[in-house]
Every structure is written in C-alpha cells, then in structure tokens.
C-alpha cells in the first residue's frame, strides 16, 4: 500500500541553478496587481441590462471589475435580434490591453483590420489586439458572447 501511495504523491521537481546563478531562486517578474477578492456570479436573467456600450446588446456584468479593483472586466453579451447592419456596422476600436471574446451561442460575423471578414460560431474564441479596427457585420438571433477586457475601464473610438 505504501508503494501505491508513493506513486500517487506528486514528486518535487529537481532543478539546478543556472551557471553563475548560485543557489538562490529566480524572483518572479510578475508585477504586483491590485488586490483581488473572491467573486462568484450566478446566472439570473434579470441581470442583463441594455445600458452598455452597444445599443443592440444586453450585458450581464460578472462582477470581475469590482473583484479585481479594475484590473479586468468580464460580461456576457446577448446581441438583440434582428441584426440591423445600419446600426452595428460602425467601424471602431477599443483602447485596451487585452480583449478576448468567446462565442457561447449562435454566431457573429465581423471584419478586422488586416484579417478581413471572419465568422465565429459557438465554441470559437478570438483575441483582438489593442486598438485593432473592426466592424460587426451580422449575427444570429441567438448570439451570446463572453467578453473579457483589461483594463475594466477603457475608451471605444468610433471612426
């Protein structure tokens, strides 16, 4: 039994210091971030609001901005059907450090500077580099997205 238990225990990884580094450990290069608090956000349909960035979307804030003291924002976006190209097709960019989107339901078609038109379907994820110019072209009636942005407060510039 002891032999079996030993196999289940994780082994410490042996590392040797790099030449000239001595026996001291390498310090982390991670910059201290704002204090974060534990946060859980359970689904409630009434949490979707229409007072967000886009008039054709409902937003459900996941409480991450408060929990991270502004480090990041995370929300679920429900795009309101039907898609009206005259409303959604405004070219713009976001002045952010990181913007990641994941398609929860449906599909969305957009155009990105240097990439052309791209259709993302449920299960697709993409990263929009900072300040990439883009345009929403169309979306399905059931389109729902998860968006994570750093920092929580940012500017959107319409072109």
Foldseek 3Di string as FASTA:
>chain_A
DVVVVVVVDDDDDDDDDDVPPPPDDDDDPDDDFAAFDDFAADDDPVQWDCPDDANQKTWRWRCRCVRRVQFKTKIKIWGADDDDQVRQFFKKFKQFQWKKKAKQAWKWWKQWVPPGIDIDHHGDMDIDHHGIIMTTGGTDNGTMMMMMTGGHDIDMGTD
